[in-house]
PDB file of N, CA and C in Angstrom:
ATOM      1  N   MET A   1     -15.795   9.810 -13.375  1.00  0.00           N
ATOM      2  CA  MET A   1     -15.485   9.698 -11.696  1.00  0.00           C
ATOM      3  C   MET A   1     -14.182   9.062 -11.785  1.00  0.00           C
ATOM      4  N   SER A   2     -13.019   9.428 -11.348  1.00  0.00           N
ATOM      5  CA  SER A   2     -12.101   8.362 -11.095  1.00  0.00           C
ATOM      6  C   SER A   2     -11.666   8.401  -9.754  1.00  0.00           C
ATOM      7  N   VAL A   3     -11.518   7.036  -9.263  1.00  0.00           N
ATOM      8  CA  VAL A   3     -11.135   6.800  -8.024  1.00  0.00           C
ATOM      9  C   VAL A   3     -10.241   5.864  -7.586  1.00  0.00           C
ATOM     10  N   SER A   4      -9.449   5.889  -6.771  1.00  0.00           N
ATOM     11  CA  SER A   4      -8.316   4.914  -6.497  1.00  0.00           C
ATOM     12  C   SER A   4      -8.567   3.787  -5.670  1.00  0.00           C
ATOM     13  N   ARG A   5      -8.112   3.038  -6.005  1.00  0.00           N
ATOM     14  CA  ARG A   5      -8.431   1.651  -4.808  1.00  0.00           C
ATOM     15  C   ARG A   5      -7.232   1.940  -3.425  1.00  0.00           C
ATOM     16  N   VAL A   6      -6.247   2.821  -3.555  1.00  0.00           N
ATOM     17  CA  VAL A   6      -5.006   3.315  -2.798  1.00  0.00           C
ATOM     18  C   VAL A   6      -4.770   4.657  -2.977  1.00  0.00           C
ATOM     19  N   THR A   7      -4.638   5.284  -1.903  1.00  0.00           N
ATOM     20  CA  THR A   7      -4.169   6.549  -1.883  1.00  0.00           C
ATOM     21  C   THR A   7      -3.082   6.990  -0.497  1.00  0.00           C
ATOM     22  N   ALA A   8      -2.600   8.132  -0.420  1.00  0.00           N
ATOM     23  CA  ALA A   8      -1.586   8.382   0.734  1.00  0.00           C
ATOM     24  C   ALA A   8      -2.007   9.668   1.134  1.00  0.00           C
ATOM     25  N   THR A   9      -1.722   9.601   2.490  1.00  0.00           N
ATOM     26  CA  THR A   9      -1.644  11.026   3.065  1.00  0.00           C
ATOM     27  C   THR A   9      -0.548  11.848   2.838  1.00  0.00           C
ATOM     28  N   GLU A  10      -0.645  12.882   3.133  1.00  0.00           N
ATOM     29  CA  GLU A  10       0.845  13.977   2.631  1.00  0.00           C
ATOM     30  C   GLU A  10       1.928  13.474   3.358  1.00  0.00           C
ATOM     31  N   ALA A  11       2.016  13.033   4.870  1.00  0.00           N
ATOM     32  CA  ALA A  11       2.986  12.552   5.527  1.00  0.00           C
ATOM     33  C   ALA A  11       3.296  11.171   4.820  1.00  0.00           C
ATOM     34  N   THR A  12       2.696  10.593   4.192  1.00  0.00           N
ATOM     35  CA  THR A  12       3.107   9.248   3.625  1.00  0.00           C
ATOM     36  C   THR A  12       3.711   9.538   2.060  1.00  0.00           C
ATOM     37  N   LYS A  13       3.036  10.787   1.592  1.00  0.00           N
ATOM     38  CA  LYS A  13       3.767  11.156   0.347  1.00  0.00           C
ATOM     39  C   LYS A  13       5.331  11.589   0.620  1.00  0.00           C
ATOM     40  N   ALA A  14       5.526  12.562   1.784  1.00  0.00           N
ATOM     41  CA  ALA A  14       6.672  12.915   2.048  1.00  0.00           C
ATOM     42  C   ALA A  14       7.701  11.964   2.151  1.00  0.00           C
ATOM     43  N   LEU A  15       7.448  10.448   2.842  1.00  0.00           N
ATOM     44  CA  LEU A  15       7.990   9.775   3.460  1.00  0.00           C
ATOM     45  C   LEU A  15       8.409   8.877   2.074  1.00  0.00           C
ATOM     46  N   ILE A  16       7.758   8.755   1.355  1.00  0.00           N
ATOM     47  CA  ILE A  16       7.828   7.850   0.151  1.00  0.00           C
ATOM     48  C   ILE A  16       8.601   8.522  -0.681  1.00  0.00           C
ATOM     49  N   ALA A  17       8.741   9.953  -0.874  1.00  0.00           N
ATOM     50  CA  ALA A  17       9.713  10.865  -1.618  1.00  0.00           C
ATOM     51  C   ALA A  17      11.053  10.624  -1.134  1.00  0.00           C
ATOM     52  N   GLN A  18      11.314  10.404   0.233  1.00  0.00           N
ATOM     53  CA  GLN A  18      12.498  10.423   1.026  1.00  0.00           C
ATOM     54  C   GLN A  18      13.242   9.064   0.660  1.00  0.00           C
ATOM     55  N   LEU A  19      12.221   7.883   0.705  1.00  0.00           N
ATOM     56  CA  LEU A  19      12.682   6.871   0.346  1.00  0.00           C
ATOM     57  C   LEU A  19      13.171   6.465  -1.025  1.00  0.00           C
ATOM     58  N   LYS A  20      12.294   6.915  -1.661  1.00  0.00           N
ATOM     59  CA  LYS A  20      12.752   7.005  -3.235  1.00  0.00           C
ATOM     60  C   LYS A  20      13.999   7.701  -3.637  1.00  0.00           C
ATOM     61  N   GLU A  21      14.464   8.758  -2.899  1.00  0.00           N
ATOM     62  CA  GLU A  21      15.569   9.154  -2.989  1.00  0.00           C
ATOM     63  C   GLU A  21      16.776   8.644  -2.452  1.00  0.00           C
ATOM     64  N   ALA A  22      16.696   7.765  -1.430  1.00  0.00           N
ATOM     65  CA  ALA A  22      17.673   6.681  -0.852  1.00  0.00           C
ATOM     66  C   ALA A  22      17.539   5.457  -1.567  1.00  0.00           C
ATOM     67  N   HIS A  23      16.782   5.449  -2.218  1.00  0.00           N
ATOM     68  CA  HIS A  23      16.659   3.566  -2.739  1.00  0.00           C
ATOM     69  C   HIS A  23      16.308   3.478  -4.172  1.00  0.00           C
ATOM     70  N   GLY A  24      15.844   4.386  -4.682  1.00  0.00           N
ATOM     71  CA  GLY A  24      15.455   4.394  -6.156  1.00  0.00           C
ATOM     72  C   GLY A  24      14.063   4.032  -6.337  1.00  0.00           C
ATOM     73  N   PRO A  25      13.627   3.470  -7.524  1.00  0.00           N
ATOM     74  CA  PRO A  25      12.108   3.084  -7.521  1.00  0.00           C
ATOM     75  C   PRO A  25      11.485   1.765  -6.408  1.00  0.00           C
ATOM     76  N   LEU A  26      10.309   2.166  -6.037  1.00  0.00           N
ATOM     77  CA  LEU A  26      10.107   1.607  -4.940  1.00  0.00           C
ATOM     78  C   LEU A  26       8.591   0.574  -5.609  1.00  0.00           C
ATOM     79  N   MET A  27       8.168  -0.428  -4.544  1.00  0.00           N
ATOM     80  CA  MET A  27       6.794  -1.038  -4.678  1.00  0.00           C
ATOM     81  C   MET A  27       6.388  -1.373  -3.412  1.00  0.00           C
ATOM     82  N   PHE A  28       4.962  -1.347  -3.364  1.00  0.00           N
ATOM     83  CA  PHE A  28       4.383  -1.807  -1.953  1.00  0.00           C
ATOM     84  C   PHE A  28       3.552  -3.296  -1.996  1.00  0.00           C
ATOM     85  N   HIS A  29       3.713  -3.893  -1.106  1.00  0.00           N
ATOM     86  CA  HIS A  29       2.990  -5.258  -0.684  1.00  0.00           C
ATOM     87  C   HIS A  29       2.118  -5.085   0.198  1.00  0.00           C
ATOM     88  N   GLN A  30       0.801  -5.211   0.470  1.00  0.00           N
ATOM     89  CA  GLN A  30      -0.252  -5.335   1.529  1.00  0.00           C
ATOM     90  C   GLN A  30       0.192  -6.484   2.285  1.00  0.00           C
ATOM     91  N   SER A  31       0.858  -6.682   3.357  1.00  0.00           N
ATOM     92  CA  SER A  31       1.178  -7.732   4.359  1.00  0.00           C
ATOM     93  C   SER A  31      -0.023  -8.439   4.520  1.00  0.00           C
ATOM     94  N   GLY A  32      -0.075  -9.764   4.667  1.00  0.00           N
ATOM     95  CA  GLY A  32      -1.601 -10.616   5.202  1.00  0.00           C
ATOM     96  C   GLY A  32      -1.273 -10.878   6.494  1.00  0.00           C
ATOM     97  N   GLY A  33      -0.321 -10.397   7.267  1.00  0.00           N
ATOM     98  CA  GLY A  33      -0.613 -10.742   8.692  1.00  0.00           C
ATOM     99  C   GLY A  33       1.205 -11.150   9.155  1.00  0.00           C
ATOM    100  N   CYS A  34       1.902 -11.377   8.367  1.00  0.00           N
ATOM    101  CA  CYS A  34       3.293 -11.951   8.818  1.00  0.00           C
ATOM    102  C   CYS A  34       3.840 -10.755   9.295  1.00  0.00           C
ATOM    103  N   CYS A  35       4.913 -10.941  10.289  1.00  0.00           N
ATOM    104  CA  CYS A  35       5.662  -9.914  10.669  1.00  0.00           C
ATOM    105  C   CYS A  35       5.192  -8.794  11.782  1.00  0.00           C
ATOM    106  N   ASP A  36       4.363  -8.127  11.030  1.00  0.00           N
ATOM    107  CA  ASP A  36       3.762  -7.052  11.955  1.00  0.00           C
ATOM    108  C   ASP A  36       2.096  -6.805  11.636  1.00  0.00           C
ATOM    109  N   GLY A  37       1.398  -7.795  11.671  1.00  0.00           N
ATOM    110  CA  GLY A  37      -0.093  -7.913  11.609  1.00  0.00           C
ATOM    111  C   GLY A  37      -0.087  -7.540  10.156  1.00  0.00           C
ATOM    112  N   SER A  38      -1.213  -6.695   9.620  1.00  0.00           N
ATOM    113  CA  SER A  38      -1.416  -6.647   8.330  1.00  0.00           C
ATOM    114  C   SER A  38      -1.049  -5.332   7.841  1.00  0.00           C
ATOM    115  N   GLN A  39       0.011  -4.902   7.298  1.00  0.00           N
ATOM    116  CA  GLN A  39       0.597  -3.634   6.975  1.00  0.00           C
ATOM    117  C   GLN A  39       1.151  -3.370   5.533  1.00  0.00           C
ATOM    118  N   PRO A  40       1.034  -2.220   5.223  1.00  0.00           N
ATOM    119  CA  PRO A  40       1.686  -1.982   3.767  1.00  0.00           C
ATOM    120  C   PRO A  40       3.375  -2.274   4.114  1.00  0.00           C
ATOM    121  N   MET A  41       3.966  -2.879   3.396  1.00  0.00           N
ATOM    122  CA  MET A  41       5.378  -3.007   3.382  1.00  0.00           C
ATOM    123  C   MET A  41       6.098  -2.388   1.860  1.00  0.00           C
ATOM    124  N   CYS A  42       6.975  -1.786   2.059  1.00  0.00           N
ATOM    125  CA  CYS A  42       7.671  -1.077   1.191  1.00  0.00           C
ATOM    126  C   CYS A  42       9.026  -1.849   0.774  1.00  0.00           C
ATOM    127  N   PHE A  43       9.373  -1.973  -0.547  1.00  0.00           N
ATOM    128  CA  PHE A  43      10.535  -2.525  -0.655  1.00  0.00           C
ATOM    129  C   PHE A  43      11.193  -1.846  -1.995  1.00  0.00           C
ATOM    130  N   GLN A  44      12.430  -2.213  -2.627  1.00  0.00           N
ATOM    131  CA  GLN A  44      12.949  -1.527  -3.901  1.00  0.00           C
ATOM    132  C   GLN A  44      12.152  -2.240  -4.843  1.00  0.00           C
ATOM    133  N   LEU A  45      11.662  -1.762  -6.026  1.00  0.00           N
ATOM    134  CA  LEU A  45      10.950  -2.438  -6.996  1.00  0.00           C
ATOM    135  C   LEU A  45      11.657  -3.391  -7.275  1.00  0.00           C
ATOM    136  N   GLY A  46      10.921  -4.633  -7.313  1.00  0.00           N
ATOM    137  CA  GLY A  46      11.132  -6.012  -7.686  1.00  0.00           C
ATOM    138  C   GLY A  46      11.987  -6.752  -6.647  1.00  0.00           C
ATOM    139  N   GLU A  47      12.199  -6.029  -5.756  1.00  0.00           N
ATOM    140  CA  GLU A  47      12.715  -6.851  -4.490  1.00  0.00           C
ATOM    141  C   GLU A  47      11.661  -7.791  -3.720  1.00  0.00           C
ATOM    142  N   PHE A  48      10.720  -7.798  -3.746  1.00  0.00           N
ATOM    143  CA  PHE A  48       9.443  -8.768  -3.414  1.00  0.00           C
ATOM    144  C   PHE A  48       9.036  -9.043  -4.711  1.00  0.00           C
ATOM    145  N   LYS A  49       8.893 -10.587  -4.632  1.00  0.00           N
ATOM    146  CA  LYS A  49       8.545 -11.375  -6.294  1.00  0.00           C
ATOM    147  C   LYS A  49       6.617 -11.458  -5.683  1.00  0.00           C
ATOM    148  N   THR A  50       6.165 -10.981  -6.884  1.00  0.00           N
ATOM    149  CA  THR A  50       4.809 -10.897  -6.540  1.00  0.00           C
ATOM    150  C   THR A  50       4.726 -12.157  -7.578  1.00  0.00           C
ATOM    151  N   GLY A  51       3.491 -12.813  -7.420  1.00  0.00           N
ATOM    152  CA  GLY A  51       2.601 -14.049  -8.187  1.00  0.00           C
ATOM    153  C   GLY A  51       1.406 -14.058  -8.544  1.00  0.00           C
ATOM    154  N   ALA A  52       1.191 -15.045  -9.137  1.00  0.00           N
ATOM    155  CA  ALA A  52      -0.281 -14.886  -9.951  1.00  0.00           C
ATOM    156  C   ALA A  52      -1.481 -14.404  -8.815  1.00  0.00           C
ATOM    157  N   GLN A  53      -1.360 -14.908  -7.431  1.00  0.00           N
ATOM    158  CA  GLN A  53      -2.089 -14.754  -6.480  1.00  0.00           C
ATOM    159  C   GLN A  53      -2.226 -13.018  -5.955  1.00  0.00           C
ATOM    160  N   ASP A  54      -1.519 -12.479  -6.374  1.00  0.00           N
ATOM    161  CA  ASP A  54      -1.047 -10.966  -6.051  1.00  0.00           C
ATOM    162  C   ASP A  54      -2.010 -10.319  -7.190  1.00  0.00           C
ATOM    163  N   ILE A  55      -2.562  -9.445  -6.519  1.00  0.00           N
ATOM    164  CA  ILE A  55      -3.296  -8.347  -7.478  1.00  0.00           C
ATOM    165  C   ILE A  55      -2.665  -6.849  -7.121  1.00  0.00           C
ATOM    166  N   TYR A  56      -2.665  -6.100  -8.530  1.00  0.00           N
ATOM    167  CA  TYR A  56      -2.142  -4.978  -8.506  1.00  0.00           C
ATOM    168  C   TYR A  56      -3.385  -3.894  -8.287  1.00  0.00           C
ATOM    169  N   LEU A  57      -3.412  -3.188  -7.379  1.00  0.00           N
ATOM    170  CA  LEU A  57      -4.281  -1.997  -6.950  1.00  0.00           C
ATOM    171  C   LEU A  57      -4.472  -0.753  -7.331  1.00  0.00           C
ATOM    172  N   GLY A  58      -2.928  -0.658  -8.003  1.00  0.00           N
ATOM    173  CA  GLY A  58      -2.680   0.816  -8.529  1.00  0.00           C
ATOM    174  C   GLY A  58      -1.345   1.355  -8.117  1.00  0.00           C
ATOM    175  N   ASP A  59      -0.872   2.667  -8.453  1.00  0.00           N
ATOM    176  CA  ASP A  59       0.124   3.235  -8.044  1.00  0.00           C
ATOM    177  C   ASP A  59       0.002   4.222  -6.994  1.00  0.00           C
ATOM    178  N   LEU A  60       0.797   3.979  -6.139  1.00  0.00           N
ATOM    179  CA  LEU A  60       0.854   5.023  -4.696  1.00  0.00           C
ATOM    180  C   LEU A  60       2.021   5.907  -5.096  1.00  0.00           C
ATOM    181  N   CYS A  61       2.028   6.968  -5.192  1.00  0.00           N
ATOM    182  CA  CYS A  61       3.085   7.845  -5.469  1.00  0.00           C
ATOM    183  C   CYS A  61       3.922   7.339  -6.719  1.00  0.00           C
ATOM    184  N   GLY A  62       3.633   6.952  -7.567  1.00  0.00           N
ATOM    185  CA  GLY A  62       4.173   6.432  -8.625  1.00  0.00           C
ATOM    186  C   GLY A  62       4.830   4.893  -8.573  1.00  0.00           C
ATOM    187  N   CYS A  63       4.556   4.223  -7.341  1.00  0.00           N
ATOM    188  CA  CYS A  63       5.220   2.936  -7.069  1.00  0.00           C
ATOM    189  C   CYS A  63       3.639   1.898  -6.923  1.00  0.00           C
ATOM    190  N   PRO A  64       4.221   0.867  -7.519  1.00  0.00           N
ATOM    191  CA  PRO A  64       3.235  -0.544  -7.745  1.00  0.00           C
ATOM    192  C   PRO A  64       2.947  -0.786  -6.360  1.00  0.00           C
ATOM    193  N   PHE A  65       1.483  -1.048  -6.226  1.00  0.00           N
ATOM    194  CA  PHE A  65       1.190  -1.440  -4.782  1.00  0.00           C
ATOM    195  C   PHE A  65       0.418  -2.804  -5.023  1.00  0.00           C
ATOM    196  N   PHE A  66       0.439  -3.716  -4.166  1.00  0.00           N
ATOM    197  CA  PHE A  66      -0.262  -5.249  -4.401  1.00  0.00           C
ATOM    198  C   PHE A  66      -0.702  -5.575  -3.338  1.00  0.00           C
ATOM    199  N   MET A  67      -1.618  -6.660  -3.438  1.00  0.00           N
ATOM    200  CA  MET A  67      -2.427  -7.127  -2.242  1.00  0.00           C
ATOM    201  C   MET A  67      -2.328  -8.843  -2.824  1.00  0.00           C
ATOM    202  N   GLY A  68      -2.415  -9.678  -1.888  1.00  0.00           N
ATOM    203  CA  GLY A  68      -2.636 -10.847  -1.964  1.00  0.00           C
ATOM    204  C   GLY A  68      -4.277 -10.977  -2.585  1.00  0.00           C
ATOM    205  N   ALA A  69      -4.463 -11.931  -3.281  1.00  0.00           N
ATOM    206  CA  ALA A  69      -5.931 -12.306  -3.807  1.00  0.00           C
ATOM    207  C   ALA A  69      -7.087 -12.495  -2.552  1.00  0.00           C
ATOM    208  N   ASP A  70      -6.432 -13.518  -1.612  1.00  0.00           N
ATOM    209  CA  ASP A  70      -7.345 -13.916  -0.785  1.00  0.00           C
ATOM    210  C   ASP A  70      -7.661 -12.536   0.303  1.00  0.00           C
ATOM    211  N   GLN A  71      -6.686 -11.792   0.765  1.00  0.00           N
ATOM    212  CA  GLN A  71      -7.090 -10.495   1.515  1.00  0.00           C
ATOM    213  C   GLN A  71      -7.818  -9.803   0.592  1.00  0.00           C
ATOM    214  N   PHE A  72      -7.222  -9.471  -0.735  1.00  0.00           N
ATOM    215  CA  PHE A  72      -8.261  -8.326  -1.420  1.00  0.00           C
ATOM    216  C   PHE A  72     -10.009  -8.849  -1.208  1.00  0.00           C
ATOM    217  N   GLU A  73     -10.322 -10.106  -1.156  1.00  0.00           N
ATOM    218  CA  GLU A  73     -11.657 -10.459  -0.828  1.00  0.00           C
ATOM    219  C   GLU A  73     -12.131  -9.633   0.075  1.00  0.00           C
ATOM    220  N   TYR A  74     -11.494  -9.427   1.022  1.00  0.00           N
ATOM    221  CA  TYR A  74     -12.088  -8.634   2.385  1.00  0.00           C
ATOM    222  C   TYR A  74     -12.097  -6.891   2.010  1.00  0.00           C
ATOM    223  N   TRP A  75     -11.033  -6.760   1.195  1.00  0.00           N
ATOM    224  CA  TRP A  75     -10.930  -5.321   1.186  1.00  0.00           C
ATOM    225  C   TRP A  75     -11.370  -4.632  -0.437  1.00  0.00           C
ATOM    226  N   LYS A  76     -12.068  -5.590  -1.231  1.00  0.00           N
ATOM    227  CA  LYS A  76     -12.346  -5.141  -2.527  1.00  0.00           C
ATOM    228  C   LYS A  76     -13.492  -3.962  -2.371  1.00  0.00           C
ATOM    229  N   HIS A  77     -14.164  -3.716  -1.491  1.00  0.00           N
ATOM    230  CA  HIS A  77     -15.206  -2.732  -1.140  1.00  0.00           C
ATOM    231  C   HIS A  77     -14.468  -1.520  -0.531  1.00  0.00           C
ATOM    232  N   THR A  78     -13.304  -1.466  -0.337  1.00  0.00           N
ATOM    233  CA  THR A  78     -12.454  -0.333   0.748  1.00  0.00           C
ATOM    234  C   THR A  78     -11.630   0.089   0.040  1.00  0.00           C
ATOM    235  N   GLN A  79     -11.658   1.433  -0.120  1.00  0.00           N
ATOM    236  CA  GLN A  79     -10.328   2.195  -0.248  1.00  0.00           C
ATOM    237  C   GLN A  79      -9.150   2.265   0.691  1.00  0.00           C
ATOM    238  N   LEU A  80      -7.811   1.841   0.508  1.00  0.00           N
ATOM    239  CA  LEU A  80      -6.924   2.051   1.231  1.00  0.00           C
ATOM    240  C   LEU A  80      -6.251   3.131   1.306  1.00  0.00           C
ATOM    241  N   ILE A  81      -6.261   4.082   2.531  1.00  0.00           N
ATOM    242  CA  ILE A  81      -5.681   5.267   2.696  1.00  0.00           C
ATOM    243  C   ILE A  81      -4.146   4.776   3.532  1.00  0.00           C
ATOM    244  N   ILE A  82      -3.050   5.137   2.720  1.00  0.00           N
ATOM    245  CA  ILE A  82      -1.786   4.511   3.237  1.00  0.00           C
ATOM    246  C   ILE A  82      -1.274   5.890   4.291  1.00  0.00           C
ATOM    247  N   ASP A  83      -1.052   5.864   5.733  1.00  0.00           N
ATOM    248  CA  ASP A  83      -0.745   6.555   6.520  1.00  0.00           C
ATOM    249  C   ASP A  83       0.833   6.290   7.049  1.00  0.00           C
ATOM    250  N   VAL A  84       1.246   7.063   7.981  1.00  0.00           N
ATOM    251  CA  VAL A  84       2.524   6.636   8.509  1.00  0.00           C
ATOM    252  C   VAL A  84       2.215   7.085   9.977  1.00  0.00           C
ATOM    253  N   THR A  85       3.103   6.548  10.848  1.00  0.00           N
ATOM    254  CA  THR A  85       3.081   6.994  12.446  1.00  0.00           C
ATOM    255  C   THR A  85       4.607   6.439  12.731  1.00  0.00           C
ATOM    256  N   LYS A  86       4.767   7.389  13.890  1.00  0.00           N
ATOM    257  CA  LYS A  86       6.073   7.240  14.307  1.00  0.00           C
ATOM    258  C   LYS A  86       6.531   5.667  14.899  1.00  0.00           C
ATOM    259  N   GLY A  87       7.482   4.920  15.201  1.00  0.00           N
ATOM    260  CA  GLY A  87       7.182   3.932  15.692  1.00  0.00           C
ATOM    261  C   GLY A  87       8.204   2.711  14.840  1.00  0.00           C
ATOM    262  N   ARG A  88       8.504   1.698  15.264  1.00  0.00           N
ATOM    263  CA  ARG A  88       9.449   0.609  14.461  1.00  0.00           C
ATOM    264  C   ARG A  88       8.567  -0.497  14.700  1.00  0.00           C
ATOM    265  N   GLY A  89       7.811  -0.953  13.501  1.00  0.00           N
ATOM    266  CA  GLY A  89       7.344  -2.217  13.243  1.00  0.00           C
ATOM    267  C   GLY A  89       8.081  -3.231  13.267  1.00  0.00           C
ATOM    268  N   SER A  90       8.009  -4.320  13.011  1.00  0.00           N
ATOM    269  CA  SER A  90       8.945  -5.606  13.082  1.00  0.00           C
ATOM    270  C   SER A  90       8.966  -6.244  11.727  1.00  0.00           C
ATOM    271  N   SER A  91       8.825  -5.451  10.671  1.00  0.00           N
ATOM    272  CA  SER A  91       8.840  -5.873   9.380  1.00  0.00           C
ATOM    273  C   SER A  91      10.241  -5.638   8.715  1.00  0.00           C
ATOM    274  N   PHE A  92      10.186  -6.089   7.499  1.00  0.00           N
ATOM    275  CA  PHE A  92      11.370  -5.618   6.588  1.00  0.00           C
ATOM    276  C   PHE A  92      11.249  -4.531   5.664  1.00  0.00           C
ATOM    277  N   SER A  93       9.968  -3.594   6.111  1.00  0.00           N
ATOM    278  CA  SER A  93       9.994  -2.412   4.855  1.00  0.00           C
ATOM    279  C   SER A  93      11.003  -1.515   5.279  1.00  0.00           C
ATOM    280  N   LEU A  94      11.429  -0.386   4.149  1.00  0.00           N
ATOM    281  CA  LEU A  94      12.272   0.301   4.214  1.00  0.00           C
ATOM    282  C   LEU A  94      12.174   1.355   4.985  1.00  0.00           C
ATOM    283  N   GLU A  95      10.909   1.695   5.178  1.00  0.00           N
ATOM    284  CA  GLU A  95      10.755   2.993   6.367  1.00  0.00           C
ATOM    285  C   GLU A  95      11.278   2.636   7.824  1.00  0.00           C
ATOM    286  N   ILE A  96      11.208   1.338   8.308  1.00  0.00           N
ATOM    287  CA  ILE A  96      11.345   1.083   9.457  1.00  0.00           C
ATOM    288  C   ILE A  96      12.757   1.612  10.211  1.00  0.00           C
ATOM    289  N   PRO A  97      13.866   1.517   9.281  1.00  0.00           N
ATOM    290  CA  PRO A  97      15.044   1.860  10.331  1.00  0.00           C
ATOM    291  C   PRO A  97      14.769   3.516  10.374  1.00  0.00           C
ATOM    292  N   LEU A  98      14.241   4.225   9.977  1.00  0.00           N
ATOM    293  CA  LEU A  98      13.667   5.486   9.681  1.00  0.00           C
ATOM    294  C   LEU A  98      13.372   5.768  11.089  1.00  0.00           C
ATOM    295  N   GLY A  99      12.413   4.923  11.772  1.00  0.00           N
ATOM    296  CA  GLY A  99      11.602   5.058  12.973  1.00  0.00           C
ATOM    297  C   GLY A  99      10.151   5.229  12.817  1.00  0.00           C
ATOM    298  N   PHE A 100       9.972   4.809  11.620  1.00  0.00           N
ATOM    299  CA  PHE A 100       8.423   5.118  11.101  1.00  0.00           C
ATOM    300  C   PHE A 100       8.009   3.662  10.316  1.00  0.00           C
ATOM    301  N   ARG A 101       6.603   3.887  10.435  1.00  0.00           N
ATOM    302  CA  ARG A 101       6.057   2.555   9.705  1.00  0.00           C
ATOM    303  C   ARG A 101       4.505   3.095   8.943  1.00  0.00           C
ATOM    304  N   PHE A 102       4.258   2.203   7.974  1.00  0.00           N
ATOM    305  CA  PHE A 102       3.597   2.493   7.217  1.00  0.00           C
ATOM    306  C   PHE A 102       2.031   1.865   8.055  1.00  0.00           C
ATOM    307  N   LEU A 103       0.789   2.432   7.806  1.00  0.00           N
ATOM    308  CA  LEU A 103      -0.574   1.790   8.034  1.00  0.00           C
ATOM    309  C   LEU A 103      -1.332   2.227   7.407  1.00  0.00           C
ATOM    310  N   VAL A 104      -2.699   1.203   7.688  1.00  0.00           N
ATOM    311  CA  VAL A 104      -3.935   1.552   6.759  1.00  0.00           C
ATOM    312  C   VAL A 104      -4.637   2.092   7.278  1.00  0.00           C
ATOM    313  N   ARG A 105      -5.361   3.060   6.848  1.00  0.00           N
ATOM    314  CA  ARG A 105      -6.676   3.675   7.305  1.00  0.00           C
ATOM    315  C   ARG A 105      -7.803   3.380   6.033  1.00  0.00           C
ATOM    316  N   SER A 106      -8.968   3.416   6.213  1.00  0.00           N
ATOM    317  CA  SER A 106      -9.421   2.899   4.918  1.00  0.00           C
ATOM    318  C   SER A 106     -10.909   3.433   5.113  1.00  0.00           C
ATOM    319  N   ARG A 107     -11.652   3.634   3.945  1.00  0.00           N
ATOM    320  CA  ARG A 107     -13.066   3.997   4.071  1.00  0.00           C
ATOM    321  C   ARG A 107     -13.982   3.010   2.927  1.00  0.00           C
ATOM    322  N   VAL A 108     -15.092   2.615   3.147  1.00  0.00           N
ATOM    323  CA  VAL A 108     -15.709   2.047   1.993  1.00  0.00           C
ATOM    324  C   VAL A 108     -16.207   3.022   1.225  1.00  0.00           C
ATOM    325  N   PHE A 109     -16.038   2.070  -0.083  1.00  0.00           N
ATOM    326  CA  PHE A 109     -16.452   3.023  -1.638  1.00  0.00           C
ATOM    327  C   PHE A 109     -17.886   3.380  -1.541  1.00  0.00           C
ATOM    328  N   THR A 110     -18.313   4.317  -1.945  1.00  0.00           N
ATOM    329  CA  THR A 110     -19.604   4.812  -2.108  1.00  0.00           C
ATOM    330  C   THR A 110     -19.996   3.681  -3.480  1.00  0.00           C
ATOM    331  N   GLU A 111     -21.572   3.655  -3.649  1.00  0.00           N
ATOM    332  CA  GLU A 111     -21.892   2.435  -4.619  1.00  0.00           C
ATOM    333  C   GLU A 111     -21.473   3.311  -6.087  1.00  0.00           C
ATOM    334  N   GLU A 112     -21.384   4.509  -6.371  1.00  0.00           N
ATOM    335  CA  GLU A 112     -20.838   5.037  -7.464  1.00  0.00           C
ATOM    336  C   GLU A 112     -19.544   4.858  -7.473  1.00  0.00           C
ATOM    337  N   GLU A 113     -18.688   4.946  -6.607  1.00  0.00           N
ATOM    338  CA  GLU A 113     -17.091   4.635  -6.893  1.00  0.00           C
ATOM    339  C   GLU A 113     -17.154   3.515  -7.230  1.00  0.00           C
ATOM    340  N   LEU A 114     -17.675   2.511  -6.514  1.00  0.00           N
ATOM    341  CA  LEU A 114     -17.676   1.138  -6.752  1.00  0.00           C
ATOM    342  C   LEU A 114     -17.992   0.450  -8.186  1.00  0.00           C
ATOM    343  N   ALA A 115     -19.192   1.241  -8.537  1.00  0.00           N
ATOM    344  CA  ALA A 115     -19.464   1.220 -10.183  1.00  0.00           C
ATOM    345  C   ALA A 115     -18.612   1.668 -10.906  1.00  0.00           C
ATOM    346  N   ASP A 116     -17.835   2.599 -10.703  1.00  0.00           N
ATOM    347  CA  ASP A 116     -17.034   3.057 -11.580  1.00  0.00           C
ATOM    348  C   ASP A 116     -15.367   2.203 -11.643  1.00  0.00           C
ATOM    349  N   LEU A 117     -15.335   1.556 -10.359  1.00  0.00           N
ATOM    350  CA  LEU A 117     -14.117   0.910 -10.298  1.00  0.00           C
ATOM    351  C   LEU A 117     -14.175  -0.428 -11.288  1.00  0.00           C
ATOM    352  N   LEU A 118     -15.588  -1.159 -11.005  1.00  0.00           N
ATOM    353  CA  LEU A 118     -15.739  -2.562 -11.632  1.00  0.00           C
ATOM    354  C   LEU A 118     -15.858  -2.032 -13.004  1.00  0.00           C
ATOM    355  N   ALA A 119     -16.512  -1.070 -13.442  1.00  0.00           N
ATOM    356  CA  ALA A 119     -16.630  -0.328 -14.929  1.00  0.00           C
ATOM    357  C   ALA A 119     -15.043  -0.172 -15.644  1.00  0.00           C
ATOM    358  N   GLY A 120     -14.261   0.112 -14.918  1.00  0.00           N
ATOM    359  CA  GLY A 120     -13.254   0.294 -15.489  1.00  0.00           C
ATOM    360  C   GLY A 120     -12.176  -0.699 -15.474  1.00  0.00           C
TER     361      GLY A 120
END
C-alpha cells in the first residue's frame, strides 16, 4: 500500500501546471494561521525558507510540500487534499493574483494507511 500525506484535486493539478509555466519550479508551505487563516501557500522554489521545525510531507505535483512541526502534530493522522476555489485570499501565495486560492480538504487515514506511513 502506498499512501501520500498530501494529494491534489484535478482543479489543483491544473492550476499548479499553470503556475509552473509562469514561475518555474514551485514549493508549498501549509500556513499556520498568518495572513489568511491556515491555508497552503505556493511559492517559487526556495523563495520560502524552511527550517529545522518544518516537516516535509511529500511532493504535490512535483513540488515539495512542508508544514511546521507544531501544526503537523494536529494533522499527522490526516491526509491533506489540496483543492482550489475562486476568490482572493490575503496571502502572498502565487495563485492569488489569478483570482484563486488553495485550500485544504482532509480525511483521517485508515489504520492500515497510518501503519504504512509509519513503517516507511
